[in-house]
Amino acid sequence: MKNGKRLLFIQDLFYTYSDKEHSLSITRIINILRLNGVNVCRNTVMEDIHTLQDAGMNIQVYNNAYRLVERTFEISEIQIIVSAIAAFKFLTIEKSKMLIEKVKDLCSKYEAENLQREFHITNRVKTDNPQVMENINIISKAIKEDKQFKFDYYDYDTENNMVYNGTRQCSPWEMAISAEEYYAVTYYLKYPESPTNFRIDRMKNIRIVDCGRIKPPKEIDIGKYLKSSFCMFSGVEEYVTLRFPMENKMCNVVYDKFGHDTILYKYGEFFEIHVPIKTKQPKAFFSWLALFEGEVQILKPLSLAEEFLKRMKHLVETINDTIDEIEKNHRISSENNSVDTR
């Protein structure tokens, strides 16, 4: 083995078998090299380690052995990356496993074993569309080349089969993750008043069209648009005024949902916020609001507050009908049991 290859081999040994908790002795390095057909003396290995240190590898001495104590990514950063890969619904199980295996190469074998034990993906909700990564590449290319793209869009039926739902042609603006799903944020001629979002995992037969894309107008802030979205349905934003009890837990809710730049207007025992929400598609917003059991109120616009009240009344009626049906079934069951015992 030539000197350059031997140096790269020793470098790889440190990346694989060493970290802040595990050391490599000179003797062990020599033994591994010999198993691979390379006979070296102690001084040669020492010189190679010094060369790696001079090249920027943070290899330090610990109890007469050597440790690589610094890498491009800390183990906590790798854990974040792996947990995100495991959580993303738009990746298939197979693709998630493959990506995690690649990420594990960024840490030592000992750290990789811990990662394997900590993250499970087999029982998570995942797409079954293997074309997602190809779709991402094509959309990225379309943005780079300032081109539109076309794709076949699919929905799921009651048998969990993907069913064709027409072909779309759009101008891609950005790709964004929301609620563990991956979306293409686009300009779609059918809904020109606001961005339109499409699930990337529900696209097939995607291709670039030789037609210049329509770029986002200057007045549209994509980052602000994504932050204001309770869901990724299309729609025009409208500023809504909400009232919260003056409690720290409610401040946490506001900053977590709307961002730390949200202004809180304090009024005695309450505070109010003014935030943009897609009021034409309020279902996700209403579902979030219902979690607070009346503690959070819609002050403006009045039409939205009335719509929320109307939907809550309908929900109560549905629940009452369900209770009546359950009680009726219990009554019938009790009567049948009484007849059987006579």
Protein backbone atom coordinates (compact mmCIF):
# COMPACT_ATOMS: atom_id res chain seq x y z
CA MET A 1 0.00 0.00 0.00
CA LYS A 2 1.42 3.36 -1.04
CA ASN A 3 1.91 6.10 1.53
CA GLY A 4 -1.09 8.13 0.34
CA LYS A 5 -3.46 5.15 0.43
CA ARG A 6 -2.16 4.13 3.85
CA LEU A 7 -2.78 7.63 5.18
CA LEU A 8 -6.35 7.58 3.85
CA PHE A 9 -6.85 4.13 5.37
CA ILE A 10 -5.75 5.35 8.81
CA GLN A 11 -7.95 8.41 8.43
CA ASP A 12 -10.92 6.13 7.76
CA LEU A 13 -10.04 4.05 10.84
CA PHE A 14 -10.36 7.15 13.03
CA TYR A 15 -13.68 8.11 11.45
CA THR A 16 -15.03 4.57 11.94
CA TYR A 17 -13.57 3.34 15.25
CA SER A 18 -12.92 6.50 17.22
CA ASP A 19 -14.97 9.23 18.86
CA LYS A 20 -15.03 11.20 22.12
CA GLU A 21 -15.53 7.98 24.09
CA HIS A 22 -13.45 5.48 22.09
CA SER A 23 -9.72 5.47 21.36
CA LEU A 24 -7.41 3.75 18.90
CA SER A 25 -4.04 2.54 20.12
CA ILE A 26 -1.01 2.41 17.86
CA THR A 27 -0.91 -1.36 18.35
CA ARG A 28 -4.50 -1.77 17.19
CA ILE A 29 -3.90 0.38 14.10
CA ILE A 30 -0.84 -1.71 13.22
CA ASN A 31 -2.83 -4.94 13.66
CA ILE A 32 -5.67 -3.72 11.44
CA LEU A 33 -3.18 -2.66 8.78
CA ARG A 34 -1.50 -6.08 8.90
CA LEU A 35 -4.88 -7.81 8.50
CA ASN A 36 -5.20 -5.79 5.29
CA GLY A 37 -1.79 -6.84 4.06
CA VAL A 38 0.17 -3.77 5.15
CA ASN A 39 3.21 -4.12 7.41
CA VAL A 40 4.24 -0.90 9.12
CA CYS A 41 6.29 0.09 12.14
CA ARG A 42 5.15 2.16 15.08
CA ASN A 43 7.04 5.29 13.99
CA THR A 44 5.36 5.24 10.57
CA VAL A 45 1.89 5.15 12.14
CA MET A 46 2.87 7.97 14.49
CA GLU A 47 4.05 10.07 11.55
CA ASP A 48 0.77 9.42 9.71
CA ILE A 49 -1.26 10.52 12.74
CA HIS A 50 0.79 13.72 12.99
CA THR A 51 0.15 14.33 9.28
CA LEU A 52 -3.60 13.95 9.83
CA GLN A 53 -3.42 16.35 12.78
CA ASP A 54 -1.55 18.89 10.67
CA ALA A 55 -4.25 18.52 8.01
CA GLY A 56 -6.92 19.62 10.52
CA MET A 57 -8.18 16.40 12.11
CA ASN A 58 -8.70 16.98 15.83
CA ILE A 59 -7.00 13.78 17.04
CA GLN A 60 -5.98 13.90 20.69
CA VAL A 61 -4.00 11.60 23.02
CA TYR A 62 -5.95 9.80 25.75
CA ASN A 63 -4.32 7.14 27.99
CA ASN A 64 -1.56 6.40 25.44
CA ALA A 65 -4.11 6.06 22.64
CA TYR A 66 -5.71 8.45 20.15
CA ARG A 67 -9.24 9.80 19.74
CA LEU A 68 -10.96 11.80 17.03
CA VAL A 69 -12.78 14.29 19.27
CA GLU A 70 -14.29 16.59 16.64
CA ARG A 71 -16.22 15.92 13.42
CA THR A 72 -18.17 17.92 10.88
CA PHE A 73 -21.39 17.00 12.73
CA GLU A 74 -21.88 16.53 16.47
CA ILE A 75 -23.78 13.38 17.44
CA SER A 76 -26.70 15.55 18.63
CA GLU A 77 -26.87 17.14 15.15
CA ILE A 78 -26.86 13.71 13.51
CA GLN A 79 -29.66 12.62 15.84
CA ILE A 80 -31.73 15.59 14.67
CA ILE A 81 -31.13 14.68 11.02
CA VAL A 82 -32.01 11.02 11.59
CA SER A 83 -35.14 11.81 13.60
CA ALA A 84 -36.31 14.12 10.80
CA ILE A 85 -35.73 11.42 8.17
CA ALA A 86 -37.66 8.92 10.30
CA ALA A 87 -40.56 11.36 10.77
CA PHE A 88 -40.97 12.59 7.19
CA LYS A 89 -44.11 11.00 5.73
CA PHE A 90 -43.13 11.79 2.14
CA LEU A 91 -40.25 9.25 2.25
CA THR A 92 -40.87 5.56 1.75
CA ILE A 93 -39.68 3.18 4.46
CA GLU A 94 -36.97 1.89 2.12
CA LYS A 95 -35.73 5.39 1.26
CA SER A 96 -35.76 6.40 4.94
CA LYS A 97 -33.65 3.37 5.87
CA MET A 98 -31.21 4.07 3.04
CA LEU A 99 -30.78 7.73 4.01
CA ILE A 100 -30.28 6.86 7.67
CA GLU A 101 -27.58 4.35 6.71
CA LYS A 102 -25.80 7.10 4.77
CA VAL A 103 -26.08 9.55 7.65
CA LYS A 104 -24.66 6.95 10.02
CA ASP A 105 -21.40 7.13 8.03
CA LEU A 106 -20.96 10.62 9.52
CA CYS A 107 -20.34 9.16 12.98
CA SER A 108 -18.36 6.30 14.51
CA LYS A 109 -19.65 2.72 14.48
CA TYR A 110 -20.38 2.98 18.21
CA GLU A 111 -22.47 6.12 17.80
CA ALA A 112 -24.20 4.54 14.79
CA GLU A 113 -25.24 1.56 16.93
CA ASN A 114 -26.91 3.93 19.39
CA LEU A 115 -28.71 5.69 16.55
CA GLN A 116 -30.02 2.35 15.32
CA ARG A 117 -31.54 1.61 18.72
CA GLU A 118 -33.10 5.05 19.17
CA PHE A 119 -35.03 5.46 15.92
CA HIS A 120 -37.74 3.21 14.48
CA ILE A 121 -39.49 3.81 11.19
CA THR A 122 -41.29 0.60 10.28
CA ASN A 123 -44.56 1.45 12.07
CA ARG A 124 -44.73 5.10 11.01
CA VAL A 125 -47.06 6.59 8.41
CA LYS A 126 -45.06 6.64 5.16
CA THR A 127 -45.76 7.16 1.48
CA ASP A 128 -45.57 4.26 -0.95
CA ASN A 129 -44.54 6.45 -3.89
CA PRO A 130 -40.90 5.66 -4.76
CA GLN A 131 -40.64 8.61 -7.17
CA VAL A 132 -40.39 11.30 -4.47
CA MET A 133 -36.62 11.84 -4.71
CA GLU A 134 -36.78 12.03 -8.51
CA ASN A 135 -39.65 14.53 -8.21
CA ILE A 136 -37.58 16.71 -5.88
CA ASN A 137 -34.65 16.69 -8.32
CA ILE A 138 -36.84 17.67 -11.27
CA ILE A 139 -38.59 20.49 -9.39
CA SER A 140 -35.20 21.83 -8.24
CA LYS A 141 -33.98 21.73 -11.83
CA ALA A 142 -37.11 23.53 -13.06
CA ILE A 143 -36.55 26.33 -10.52
CA LYS A 144 -32.88 26.59 -11.49
CA GLU A 145 -33.68 26.72 -15.22
CA ASP A 146 -36.67 29.07 -14.76
CA LYS A 147 -39.02 26.56 -16.36
CA GLN A 148 -42.53 25.34 -15.61
CA PHE A 149 -43.19 21.71 -14.84
CA LYS A 150 -46.06 19.30 -15.48
CA PHE A 151 -47.15 16.26 -13.48
CA ASP A 152 -49.96 13.79 -12.96
CA TYR A 153 -51.62 14.27 -9.58
CA TYR A 154 -53.11 11.45 -7.51
CA ASP A 155 -55.50 10.96 -4.59
CA TYR A 156 -56.03 7.87 -2.43
CA ASP A 157 -59.26 5.88 -2.61
CA THR A 158 -60.91 3.78 0.10
CA GLU A 159 -58.78 0.78 -0.87
CA ASN A 160 -55.56 2.78 -0.30
CA ASN A 161 -54.85 2.91 -4.03
CA MET A 162 -53.50 6.01 -5.78
CA VAL A 163 -56.12 7.28 -8.23
CA TYR A 164 -55.35 9.70 -11.06
CA ASN A 165 -56.77 13.19 -10.42
CA GLY A 166 -55.71 15.08 -13.52
CA THR A 167 -52.57 16.68 -14.92
CA ARG A 168 -51.29 20.01 -13.64
CA GLN A 169 -48.82 22.53 -15.10
CA CYS A 170 -47.30 25.06 -12.70
CA SER A 171 -44.49 27.50 -12.12
CA PRO A 172 -42.43 26.22 -9.16
CA TRP A 173 -41.54 28.79 -6.51
CA GLU A 174 -40.19 26.79 -3.61
CA MET A 175 -40.33 23.43 -1.87
CA ALA A 176 -41.41 23.38 1.77
CA ILE A 177 -42.02 20.91 4.57
CA SER A 178 -45.18 21.29 6.63
CA ALA A 179 -46.52 18.75 9.16
CA GLU A 180 -43.89 16.22 8.00
CA GLU A 181 -45.14 16.44 4.39
CA TYR A 182 -43.22 17.90 1.44
CA TYR A 183 -44.94 20.42 -0.83
CA ALA A 184 -44.17 22.28 -4.02
CA VAL A 185 -45.26 25.91 -3.60
CA THR A 186 -46.28 27.06 -7.07
CA TYR A 187 -48.06 29.56 -9.23
CA TYR A 188 -51.04 27.70 -10.68
CA LEU A 189 -53.15 29.50 -13.28
CA LYS A 190 -56.40 28.06 -11.88
CA TYR A 191 -55.82 29.93 -8.58
CA PRO A 192 -53.84 33.05 -9.57
CA GLU A 193 -54.66 35.10 -6.46
CA SER A 194 -52.33 33.14 -4.15
CA PRO A 195 -49.67 30.40 -4.17
CA THR A 196 -50.92 26.85 -4.70
CA ASN A 197 -49.35 23.91 -2.90
CA PHE A 198 -49.07 20.34 -4.18
CA ARG A 199 -47.91 17.27 -2.27
CA ILE A 200 -44.71 16.02 -3.91
CA ASP A 201 -45.37 12.41 -2.86
CA ARG A 202 -48.65 12.46 -4.81
CA MET A 203 -46.99 13.47 -8.08
CA LYS A 204 -46.10 11.03 -10.85
CA ASN A 205 -44.78 11.33 -14.40
CA ILE A 206 -43.25 14.70 -13.56
CA ARG A 207 -41.44 16.55 -16.37
CA ILE A 208 -40.04 19.99 -17.17
CA VAL A 209 -41.95 22.04 -19.77
CA ASP A 210 -40.16 24.31 -22.22
CA CYS A 211 -42.03 27.34 -20.94
CA GLY A 212 -40.67 30.12 -18.74
CA ARG A 213 -41.92 30.05 -15.17
CA ILE A 214 -43.83 32.88 -13.55
CA LYS A 215 -41.74 34.05 -10.61
CA PRO A 216 -43.16 35.11 -7.23
CA PRO A 217 -44.17 38.79 -7.18
CA LYS A 218 -42.17 40.99 -4.83
CA GLU A 219 -45.12 41.51 -2.48
CA ILE A 220 -45.34 37.78 -1.70
CA ASP A 221 -43.08 36.72 1.18
CA ILE A 222 -42.89 32.93 0.86
CA GLY A 223 -41.48 32.54 4.38
CA LYS A 224 -44.31 34.58 5.90
CA TYR A 225 -46.84 32.73 3.71
CA LEU A 226 -45.66 29.36 5.01
CA LYS A 227 -45.66 30.56 8.62
CA SER A 228 -49.25 31.80 8.35
CA SER A 229 -50.52 28.51 6.94
CA PHE A 230 -52.50 26.28 9.29
CA CYS A 231 -52.57 23.82 6.43
CA MET A 232 -51.08 23.77 2.96
CA PHE A 233 -54.35 24.39 1.12
CA SER A 234 -54.40 27.33 -1.22
CA GLY A 235 -56.16 30.54 -0.32
CA VAL A 236 -55.84 34.26 0.28
CA GLU A 237 -54.70 35.35 3.73
CA GLU A 238 -56.74 37.62 5.97
CA TYR A 239 -55.69 39.20 9.24
CA VAL A 240 -57.54 37.73 12.22
CA THR A 241 -57.64 39.12 15.77
CA LEU A 242 -57.53 36.53 18.55
CA ARG A 243 -57.87 37.01 22.31
CA PHE A 244 -55.98 34.82 24.82
CA PRO A 245 -55.94 34.65 28.63
CA MET A 246 -52.88 36.36 30.12
CA GLU A 247 -51.01 33.13 30.91
CA ASN A 248 -47.47 32.02 30.07
CA LYS A 249 -48.72 28.76 28.56
CA MET A 250 -50.77 30.80 26.09
CA CYS A 251 -47.71 32.90 25.23
CA ASN A 252 -45.91 29.64 24.45
CA VAL A 253 -48.79 28.62 22.16
CA VAL A 254 -48.66 31.89 20.24
CA TYR A 255 -44.89 31.95 19.74
CA ASP A 256 -44.78 28.27 18.78
CA LYS A 257 -47.54 28.68 16.21
CA PHE A 258 -47.00 32.16 14.80
CA GLY A 259 -43.34 32.90 15.53
CA HIS A 260 -41.41 34.97 18.08
CA ASP A 261 -41.90 38.19 16.11
CA THR A 262 -45.65 38.12 16.86
CA ILE A 263 -46.75 41.24 18.78
CA LEU A 264 -48.87 40.68 21.90
CA TYR A 265 -51.24 43.54 22.78
CA LYS A 266 -51.96 43.42 26.53
CA TYR A 267 -55.39 44.33 27.94
CA GLY A 268 -55.75 43.52 31.64
CA GLU A 269 -56.34 39.78 32.03
CA PHE A 270 -56.08 39.17 28.28
CA PHE A 271 -53.78 39.75 25.35
CA GLU A 272 -54.62 39.97 21.66
CA ILE A 273 -52.74 39.18 18.46
CA HIS A 274 -53.32 40.03 14.79
CA VAL A 275 -52.13 37.23 12.52
CA PRO A 276 -52.67 36.26 8.85
CA ILE A 277 -54.78 33.13 8.32
CA LYS A 278 -56.33 31.56 5.22
CA THR A 279 -59.94 32.14 6.18
CA LYS A 280 -61.42 30.59 3.03
CA GLN A 281 -60.06 27.22 4.17
CA PRO A 282 -60.59 27.54 7.95
CA LYS A 283 -61.08 23.89 8.88
CA ALA A 284 -57.55 23.33 10.20
CA PHE A 285 -57.64 26.69 12.01
CA PHE A 286 -60.99 25.86 13.63
CA SER A 287 -59.68 22.44 14.70
CA TRP A 288 -56.69 24.11 16.36
CA LEU A 289 -58.96 26.69 18.01
CA ALA A 290 -61.25 23.98 19.42
CA LEU A 291 -58.32 22.52 21.38
CA PHE A 292 -58.54 25.45 23.80
CA GLU A 293 -62.17 24.75 24.80
CA GLY A 294 -63.33 28.36 24.52
CA GLU A 295 -60.29 30.00 26.15
CA VAL A 296 -59.22 31.53 22.82
CA GLN A 297 -61.71 33.82 21.08
CA ILE A 298 -62.00 35.21 17.56
CA LEU A 299 -62.65 38.97 17.79
CA LYS A 300 -62.29 39.91 14.11
CA PRO A 301 -63.52 39.39 11.51
CA LEU A 302 -66.99 38.84 12.94
CA SER A 303 -67.96 36.62 9.98
CA LEU A 304 -65.19 34.17 10.89
CA ALA A 305 -66.32 34.08 14.55
CA GLU A 306 -69.88 33.36 13.40
CA GLU A 307 -68.67 30.60 11.09
CA PHE A 308 -66.69 29.03 13.94
CA LEU A 309 -69.74 29.15 16.23
CA LYS A 310 -71.91 27.61 13.52
CA ARG A 311 -69.49 24.72 13.05
CA MET A 312 -69.17 24.13 16.79
CA LYS A 313 -72.97 23.97 17.11
CA HIS A 314 -73.07 21.45 14.28
CA LEU A 315 -70.38 19.41 16.05
CA VAL A 316 -72.42 19.43 19.29
CA GLU A 317 -75.52 18.29 17.39
CA THR A 318 -73.54 15.47 15.79
CA ILE A 319 -72.19 14.38 19.17
CA ASN A 320 -75.71 14.44 20.68
CA ASP A 321 -77.02 12.33 17.80
CA THR A 322 -74.21 9.85 18.39
CA ILE A 323 -75.00 9.69 22.11
CA ASP A 324 -78.69 9.09 21.34
CA GLU A 325 -77.75 6.26 18.96
CA ILE A 326 -75.45 4.66 21.54
CA GLU A 327 -78.12 4.86 24.24
CA LYS A 328 -80.70 3.39 21.85
CA ASN A 329 -78.40 0.46 21.06
CA HIS A 330 -77.76 -0.12 24.77
CA ARG A 331 -81.50 -0.10 25.43
CA ILE A 332 -82.17 -2.63 22.68
CA SER A 333 -79.30 -4.81 23.88
CA SER A 334 -80.61 -4.73 27.47
CA GLU A 335 -84.12 -5.63 26.34
CA ASN A 336 -82.80 -8.55 24.27
CA ASN A 337 -80.77 -9.81 27.23
CA SER A 338 -83.87 -9.60 29.46
CA VAL A 339 -85.86 -11.71 26.97
CA ASP A 340 -83.10 -14.30 26.72
CA THR A 341 -82.96 -14.85 30.49
CA ARG A 342 -86.70 -15.59 30.91
